[in-house]
Amino acid sequence: MPVVLVANPKGGSGKSTIATHIAGHFANQGHPVMLGDVDRQQSSRLWLSLRPPQVAPIRSWEAQGEGSVVRPPPGTTHAVLDTPAGLHGWRFKEVLALADKVVVPVQPSLFDIFATREFLDRLAERLSGKRVPRIGLVGMRVGLRTLAAERLREFAAQVEMPLVTELRETQNYVQVAAHGLTLFDLSPSRYERDMAQWAPLIEWLES
């Protein structure tokens, strides 16, 4: 069962947007998917409570609190974990051990890039000599023809991590999240530009 971990040490990096949309994609492909939230803010859990009953179902993975993160029950084929800023210690080790792929959303600002570099170094230390999940970066709120975007691409090359895709800044994500939805729950023709940006990440997740 593939488990996707969405992680970044910096708050506001777009983790919940990525996590809910990955879960939304899996659900709309007909997979029994669970979305877990080990963030104390419980953004993904709140989002699930808003999700309309008529759209593709996503179950809640009870992964919050101070106890151990348990594996999803039988029948689940895909799982996504949303994590808090500053995740560390035994809990970081625990969720990392579950992951098949780690998606790291990063905004193209100097502060976000610096924080992400430290996180990737810490991640490499944790994974030394162990089973290594695939790790991919996702640019968030990226203006495609900006100096900040170029800085982000240079950063990905320096850390030798794939920059899987770049998502633009748009109110579309805010609007759908307010109703417990993702772009994958709605007509693709309404969001052609955004769906095109998601295509490389979907291909990476499914490869």
C-alpha atoms as a PDB file:
ATOM      1  CA  MET A   1       0.000   0.000   0.000  1.00  0.00           C
ATOM      2  CA  PRO A   2       1.573   3.315  -1.027  1.00  0.00           C
ATOM      3  CA  VAL A   3       1.897   5.855   1.773  1.00  0.00           C
ATOM      4  CA  VAL A   4       2.655   9.447   0.768  1.00  0.00           C
ATOM      5  CA  LEU A   5       4.171  11.703   3.428  1.00  0.00           C
ATOM      6  CA  VAL A   6       3.855  15.469   2.921  1.00  0.00           C
ATOM      7  CA  ALA A   7       6.457  17.272   5.006  1.00  0.00           C
ATOM      8  CA  ASN A   8       8.276  20.576   5.400  1.00  0.00           C
ATOM      9  CA  PRO A   9       9.535  22.258   8.599  1.00  0.00           C
ATOM     10  CA  LYS A  10       8.132  25.658   7.693  1.00  0.00           C
ATOM     11  CA  GLY A  11       4.561  26.650   8.444  1.00  0.00           C
ATOM     12  CA  GLY A  12       2.468  27.930   5.558  1.00  0.00           C
ATOM     13  CA  SER A  13       4.443  26.021   2.935  1.00  0.00           C
ATOM     14  CA  GLY A  14       1.328  24.439   1.426  1.00  0.00           C
ATOM     15  CA  LYS A  15       1.458  20.991   3.045  1.00  0.00           C
ATOM     16  CA  SER A  16      -2.289  20.678   3.609  1.00  0.00           C
ATOM     17  CA  THR A  17      -3.084  21.843   0.072  1.00  0.00           C
ATOM     18  CA  ILE A  18      -0.773  19.181  -1.334  1.00  0.00           C
ATOM     19  CA  ALA A  19      -1.964  16.440   1.047  1.00  0.00           C
ATOM     20  CA  THR A  20      -5.673  16.998   0.438  1.00  0.00           C
ATOM     21  CA  HIS A  21      -5.214  17.171  -3.325  1.00  0.00           C
ATOM     22  CA  ILE A  22      -3.153  13.980  -3.460  1.00  0.00           C
ATOM     23  CA  ALA A  23      -5.873  12.242  -1.450  1.00  0.00           C
ATOM     24  CA  GLY A  24      -8.495  13.770  -3.746  1.00  0.00           C
ATOM     25  CA  HIS A  25      -6.725  12.412  -6.813  1.00  0.00           C
ATOM     26  CA  PHE A  26      -6.496   8.896  -5.390  1.00  0.00           C
ATOM     27  CA  ALA A  27     -10.166   9.001  -4.346  1.00  0.00           C
ATOM     28  CA  ASN A  28     -11.294  10.089  -7.798  1.00  0.00           C
ATOM     29  CA  GLN A  29      -9.338   7.200  -9.293  1.00  0.00           C
ATOM     30  CA  GLY A  30     -11.551   4.893  -7.247  1.00  0.00           C
ATOM     31  CA  HIS A  31      -8.958   3.951  -4.624  1.00  0.00           C
ATOM     32  CA  PRO A  32      -9.951   3.454  -0.963  1.00  0.00           C
ATOM     33  CA  VAL A  33      -7.825   6.259   0.452  1.00  0.00           C
ATOM     34  CA  MET A  34      -7.214   7.587   3.938  1.00  0.00           C
ATOM     35  CA  LEU A  35      -5.947  11.047   4.877  1.00  0.00           C
ATOM     36  CA  GLY A  36      -4.086  11.321   8.160  1.00  0.00           C
ATOM     37  CA  ASP A  37      -3.140  14.484  10.029  1.00  0.00           C
ATOM     38  CA  VAL A  38      -0.367  14.564  12.623  1.00  0.00           C
ATOM     39  CA  ASP A  39      -0.445  18.358  12.695  1.00  0.00           C
ATOM     40  CA  ARG A  40      -1.892  19.833  15.903  1.00  0.00           C
ATOM     41  CA  GLN A  41      -3.718  22.429  13.809  1.00  0.00           C
ATOM     42  CA  GLN A  42      -5.629  19.526  12.210  1.00  0.00           C
ATOM     43  CA  SER A  43      -6.124  21.389   8.917  1.00  0.00           C
ATOM     44  CA  SER A  44      -6.668  18.231   6.887  1.00  0.00           C
ATOM     45  CA  ARG A  45      -9.073  16.812   9.456  1.00  0.00           C
ATOM     46  CA  LEU A  46     -11.101  20.031   9.366  1.00  0.00           C
ATOM     47  CA  TRP A  47     -11.114  19.869   5.577  1.00  0.00           C
ATOM     48  CA  LEU A  48     -12.465  16.307   5.702  1.00  0.00           C
ATOM     49  CA  SER A  49     -15.331  17.453   7.944  1.00  0.00           C
ATOM     50  CA  LEU A  50     -16.385  19.878   5.175  1.00  0.00           C
ATOM     51  CA  ARG A  51     -16.271  17.302   2.390  1.00  0.00           C
ATOM     52  CA  PRO A  52     -19.676  16.744   0.701  1.00  0.00           C
ATOM     53  CA  PRO A  53     -21.063  13.194   0.812  1.00  0.00           C
ATOM     54  CA  GLN A  54     -21.705  13.084  -2.950  1.00  0.00           C
ATOM     55  CA  VAL A  55     -18.026  13.306  -3.976  1.00  0.00           C
ATOM     56  CA  ALA A  56     -15.414  10.550  -3.952  1.00  0.00           C
ATOM     57  CA  PRO A  57     -14.970   9.432  -0.312  1.00  0.00           C
ATOM     58  CA  ILE A  58     -11.788   9.957   1.689  1.00  0.00           C
ATOM     59  CA  ARG A  59     -11.582   8.323   5.105  1.00  0.00           C
ATOM     60  CA  SER A  60      -9.875   9.867   8.093  1.00  0.00           C
ATOM     61  CA  TRP A  61      -6.705   8.180   9.296  1.00  0.00           C
ATOM     62  CA  GLU A  62      -6.626   8.598  13.063  1.00  0.00           C
ATOM     63  CA  ALA A  63      -3.020   9.722  13.222  1.00  0.00           C
ATOM     64  CA  GLN A  64      -3.224  12.777  15.458  1.00  0.00           C
ATOM     65  CA  GLY A  65      -2.502  13.147  19.179  1.00  0.00           C
ATOM     66  CA  GLU A  66       0.450  11.952  21.203  1.00  0.00           C
ATOM     67  CA  GLY A  67       0.118   8.227  20.575  1.00  0.00           C
ATOM     68  CA  SER A  68       1.773   6.152  17.898  1.00  0.00           C
ATOM     69  CA  VAL A  69       0.727   6.424  14.286  1.00  0.00           C
ATOM     70  CA  VAL A  70      -0.869   3.118  13.393  1.00  0.00           C
ATOM     71  CA  ARG A  71      -1.156   1.631   9.937  1.00  0.00           C
ATOM     72  CA  PRO A  72      -4.512   2.058   8.181  1.00  0.00           C
ATOM     73  CA  PRO A  73      -6.975  -0.825   8.472  1.00  0.00           C
ATOM     74  CA  PRO A  74      -7.340  -3.573   5.838  1.00  0.00           C
ATOM     75  CA  GLY A  75      -9.101  -2.456   2.689  1.00  0.00           C
ATOM     76  CA  THR A  76      -7.190   0.797   2.419  1.00  0.00           C
ATOM     77  CA  THR A  77      -5.063   0.868  -0.730  1.00  0.00           C
ATOM     78  CA  HIS A  78      -3.611   4.397  -0.524  1.00  0.00           C
ATOM     79  CA  ALA A  79      -2.758   6.704   2.374  1.00  0.00           C
ATOM     80  CA  VAL A  80      -1.592  10.300   2.707  1.00  0.00           C
ATOM     81  CA  LEU A  81      -0.080  11.869   5.839  1.00  0.00           C
ATOM     82  CA  ASP A  82      -0.109  15.621   6.460  1.00  0.00           C
ATOM     83  CA  THR A  83       2.566  16.665   8.962  1.00  0.00           C
ATOM     84  CA  PRO A  84       3.193  19.716  11.143  1.00  0.00           C
ATOM     85  CA  ALA A  85       5.920  22.309  10.856  1.00  0.00           C
ATOM     86  CA  GLY A  86       8.933  21.339  12.923  1.00  0.00           C
ATOM     87  CA  LEU A  87       8.162  17.620  13.038  1.00  0.00           C
ATOM     88  CA  HIS A  88      11.070  15.930  14.817  1.00  0.00           C
ATOM     89  CA  GLY A  89      12.117  13.239  17.260  1.00  0.00           C
ATOM     90  CA  TRP A  90      10.446   9.873  17.577  1.00  0.00           C
ATOM     91  CA  ARG A  91       7.310  10.987  15.751  1.00  0.00           C
ATOM     92  CA  PHE A  92       9.302  12.101  12.710  1.00  0.00           C
ATOM     93  CA  LYS A  93      11.101   8.760  12.727  1.00  0.00           C
ATOM     94  CA  GLU A  94       7.799   6.913  12.999  1.00  0.00           C
ATOM     95  CA  VAL A  95       5.996   8.599  10.113  1.00  0.00           C
ATOM     96  CA  LEU A  96       9.090   8.442   7.941  1.00  0.00           C
ATOM     97  CA  ALA A  97       9.251   4.671   8.439  1.00  0.00           C
ATOM     98  CA  LEU A  98       5.738   4.406   6.968  1.00  0.00           C
ATOM     99  CA  ALA A  99       6.429   6.470   3.868  1.00  0.00           C
ATOM    100  CA  ASP A 100       6.975   5.172   0.363  1.00  0.00           C
ATOM    101  CA  LYS A 101       7.228   8.679  -1.061  1.00  0.00           C
ATOM    102  CA  VAL A 102       7.901  12.031   0.562  1.00  0.00           C
ATOM    103  CA  VAL A 103       6.557  15.185  -1.059  1.00  0.00           C
ATOM    104  CA  VAL A 104       8.252  18.380   0.129  1.00  0.00           C
ATOM    105  CA  PRO A 105       6.364  21.559  -0.795  1.00  0.00           C
ATOM    106  CA  VAL A 106       8.602  24.626  -0.866  1.00  0.00           C
ATOM    107  CA  GLN A 107       7.953  28.254  -1.719  1.00  0.00           C
ATOM    108  CA  PRO A 108      10.579  30.165  -3.732  1.00  0.00           C
ATOM    109  CA  SER A 109      11.588  32.570  -0.972  1.00  0.00           C
ATOM    110  CA  LEU A 110      15.055  32.661   0.552  1.00  0.00           C
ATOM    111  CA  PHE A 111      13.726  31.778   4.029  1.00  0.00           C
ATOM    112  CA  ASP A 112      11.675  28.822   2.787  1.00  0.00           C
ATOM    113  CA  ILE A 113      14.560  27.485   0.742  1.00  0.00           C
ATOM    114  CA  PHE A 114      16.957  27.781   3.692  1.00  0.00           C
ATOM    115  CA  ALA A 115      14.554  25.955   6.026  1.00  0.00           C
ATOM    116  CA  THR A 116      13.957  23.245   3.440  1.00  0.00           C
ATOM    117  CA  ARG A 117      17.687  22.702   2.938  1.00  0.00           C
ATOM    118  CA  GLU A 118      18.105  22.069   6.679  1.00  0.00           C
ATOM    119  CA  PHE A 119      15.139  19.683   6.610  1.00  0.00           C
ATOM    120  CA  LEU A 120      16.559  17.715   3.676  1.00  0.00           C
ATOM    121  CA  ASP A 121      19.907  17.418   5.480  1.00  0.00           C
ATOM    122  CA  ARG A 122      18.116  16.100   8.557  1.00  0.00           C
ATOM    123  CA  LEU A 123      16.113  13.747   6.368  1.00  0.00           C
ATOM    124  CA  ALA A 124      19.305  12.360   4.831  1.00  0.00           C
ATOM    125  CA  GLU A 125      20.695  11.680   8.314  1.00  0.00           C
ATOM    126  CA  ARG A 126      17.530   9.830   9.325  1.00  0.00           C
ATOM    127  CA  LEU A 127      17.594   7.713   6.171  1.00  0.00           C
ATOM    128  CA  SER A 128      21.279   6.827   6.264  1.00  0.00           C
ATOM    129  CA  GLY A 129      21.619   3.063   5.934  1.00  0.00           C
ATOM    130  CA  LYS A 130      17.855   2.505   5.894  1.00  0.00           C
ATOM    131  CA  ARG A 131      15.096   1.923   3.365  1.00  0.00           C
ATOM    132  CA  VAL A 132      14.883   5.161   1.416  1.00  0.00           C
ATOM    133  CA  PRO A 133      11.546   6.509   0.167  1.00  0.00           C
ATOM    134  CA  ARG A 134      11.505   8.555  -3.013  1.00  0.00           C
ATOM    135  CA  ILE A 135      11.656  12.273  -2.249  1.00  0.00           C
ATOM    136  CA  GLY A 136      10.369  15.001  -4.538  1.00  0.00           C
ATOM    137  CA  LEU A 137      10.093  18.772  -4.243  1.00  0.00           C
ATOM    138  CA  VAL A 138       7.013  20.727  -5.307  1.00  0.00           C
ATOM    139  CA  GLY A 139       7.282  24.462  -5.886  1.00  0.00           C
ATOM    140  CA  MET A 140       4.379  26.336  -4.319  1.00  0.00           C
ATOM    141  CA  ARG A 141       3.027  29.754  -5.361  1.00  0.00           C
ATOM    142  CA  VAL A 142       5.589  29.979  -8.102  1.00  0.00           C
ATOM    143  CA  GLY A 143       5.624  32.703 -10.714  1.00  0.00           C
ATOM    144  CA  LEU A 144       7.113  30.843 -13.661  1.00  0.00           C
ATOM    145  CA  ARG A 145       9.172  33.709 -15.095  1.00  0.00           C
ATOM    146  CA  THR A 146      10.548  35.222 -11.909  1.00  0.00           C
ATOM    147  CA  LEU A 147      13.954  35.375 -10.245  1.00  0.00           C
ATOM    148  CA  ALA A 148      12.472  33.573  -7.242  1.00  0.00           C
ATOM    149  CA  ALA A 149      11.422  30.665  -9.450  1.00  0.00           C
ATOM    150  CA  GLU A 150      14.898  30.467 -10.934  1.00  0.00           C
ATOM    151  CA  ARG A 151      16.356  30.428  -7.411  1.00  0.00           C
ATOM    152  CA  LEU A 152      14.078  27.507  -6.543  1.00  0.00           C
ATOM    153  CA  ARG A 153      15.229  25.536  -9.589  1.00  0.00           C
ATOM    154  CA  GLU A 154      18.849  26.191  -8.740  1.00  0.00           C
ATOM    155  CA  PHE A 155      18.216  24.987  -5.193  1.00  0.00           C
ATOM    156  CA  ALA A 156      16.703  21.718  -6.450  1.00  0.00           C
ATOM    157  CA  ALA A 157      19.753  21.152  -8.640  1.00  0.00           C
ATOM    158  CA  GLN A 158      22.123  21.848  -5.729  1.00  0.00           C
ATOM    159  CA  VAL A 159      20.443  19.359  -3.387  1.00  0.00           C
ATOM    160  CA  GLU A 160      20.061  16.866  -6.240  1.00  0.00           C
ATOM    161  CA  MET A 161      16.348  16.437  -5.651  1.00  0.00           C
ATOM    162  CA  PRO A 162      13.753  16.399  -8.428  1.00  0.00           C
ATOM    163  CA  LEU A 163      11.605  19.509  -8.621  1.00  0.00           C
ATOM    164  CA  VAL A 164       8.626  17.469  -9.720  1.00  0.00           C
ATOM    165  CA  THR A 165       6.361  20.393 -10.575  1.00  0.00           C
ATOM    166  CA  GLU A 166       5.629  24.044  -9.833  1.00  0.00           C
ATOM    167  CA  LEU A 167       2.159  25.208  -8.781  1.00  0.00           C
ATOM    168  CA  ARG A 168       1.135  28.786  -9.374  1.00  0.00           C
ATOM    169  CA  GLU A 169      -0.400  31.108  -6.812  1.00  0.00           C
ATOM    170  CA  THR A 170      -4.167  31.126  -7.333  1.00  0.00           C
ATOM    171  CA  GLN A 171      -7.337  31.517  -5.286  1.00  0.00           C
ATOM    172  CA  ASN A 172      -8.664  28.299  -6.821  1.00  0.00           C
ATOM    173  CA  TYR A 173      -7.119  26.248  -4.009  1.00  0.00           C
ATOM    174  CA  VAL A 174      -8.592  28.505  -1.329  1.00  0.00           C
ATOM    175  CA  GLN A 175     -12.048  28.371  -2.884  1.00  0.00           C
ATOM    176  CA  VAL A 176     -12.252  24.592  -3.234  1.00  0.00           C
ATOM    177  CA  ALA A 177     -10.749  23.972   0.216  1.00  0.00           C
ATOM    178  CA  ALA A 178     -13.533  26.010   1.836  1.00  0.00           C
ATOM    179  CA  HIS A 179     -15.970  23.320   0.652  1.00  0.00           C
ATOM    180  CA  GLY A 180     -13.887  20.236   1.423  1.00  0.00           C
ATOM    181  CA  LEU A 181     -13.080  19.774  -2.256  1.00  0.00           C
ATOM    182  CA  THR A 182     -10.075  19.512  -4.535  1.00  0.00           C
ATOM    183  CA  LEU A 183      -9.616  20.439  -8.174  1.00  0.00           C
ATOM    184  CA  PHE A 184      -9.878  16.711  -8.930  1.00  0.00           C
ATOM    185  CA  ASP A 185     -13.484  16.677  -7.663  1.00  0.00           C
ATOM    186  CA  LEU A 186     -14.577  19.262 -10.221  1.00  0.00           C
ATOM    187  CA  SER A 187     -14.660  19.555 -13.994  1.00  0.00           C
ATOM    188  CA  PRO A 188     -11.066  19.512 -15.327  1.00  0.00           C
ATOM    189  CA  SER A 189     -12.050  21.992 -18.032  1.00  0.00           C
ATOM    190  CA  ARG A 190     -12.584  24.651 -15.342  1.00  0.00           C
ATOM    191  CA  TYR A 191      -9.008  24.339 -14.111  1.00  0.00           C
ATOM    192  CA  GLU A 192      -7.012  23.331 -17.180  1.00  0.00           C
ATOM    193  CA  ARG A 193      -3.942  25.409 -16.289  1.00  0.00           C
ATOM    194  CA  ASP A 194      -3.768  24.061 -12.738  1.00  0.00           C
ATOM    195  CA  MET A 195      -4.435  20.477 -13.766  1.00  0.00           C
ATOM    196  CA  ALA A 196      -1.593  20.687 -16.272  1.00  0.00           C
ATOM    197  CA  GLN A 197       0.718  21.682 -13.429  1.00  0.00           C
ATOM    198  CA  TRP A 198      -0.472  18.722 -11.348  1.00  0.00           C
ATOM    199  CA  ALA A 199       0.140  16.189 -14.138  1.00  0.00           C
ATOM    200  CA  PRO A 200       3.908  15.713 -13.494  1.00  0.00           C
ATOM    201  CA  LEU A 201       3.306  15.145  -9.775  1.00  0.00           C
ATOM    202  CA  ILE A 202       0.582  12.588 -10.449  1.00  0.00           C
ATOM    203  CA  GLU A 203       2.887  10.770 -12.848  1.00  0.00           C
ATOM    204  CA  TRP A 204       5.663  10.809 -10.228  1.00  0.00           C
ATOM    205  CA  LEU A 205       3.338   9.484  -7.514  1.00  0.00           C
ATOM    206  CA  GLU A 206       2.112   6.650  -9.720  1.00  0.00           C
ATOM    207  CA  SER A 207       5.482   5.657 -11.145  1.00  0.00           C
END
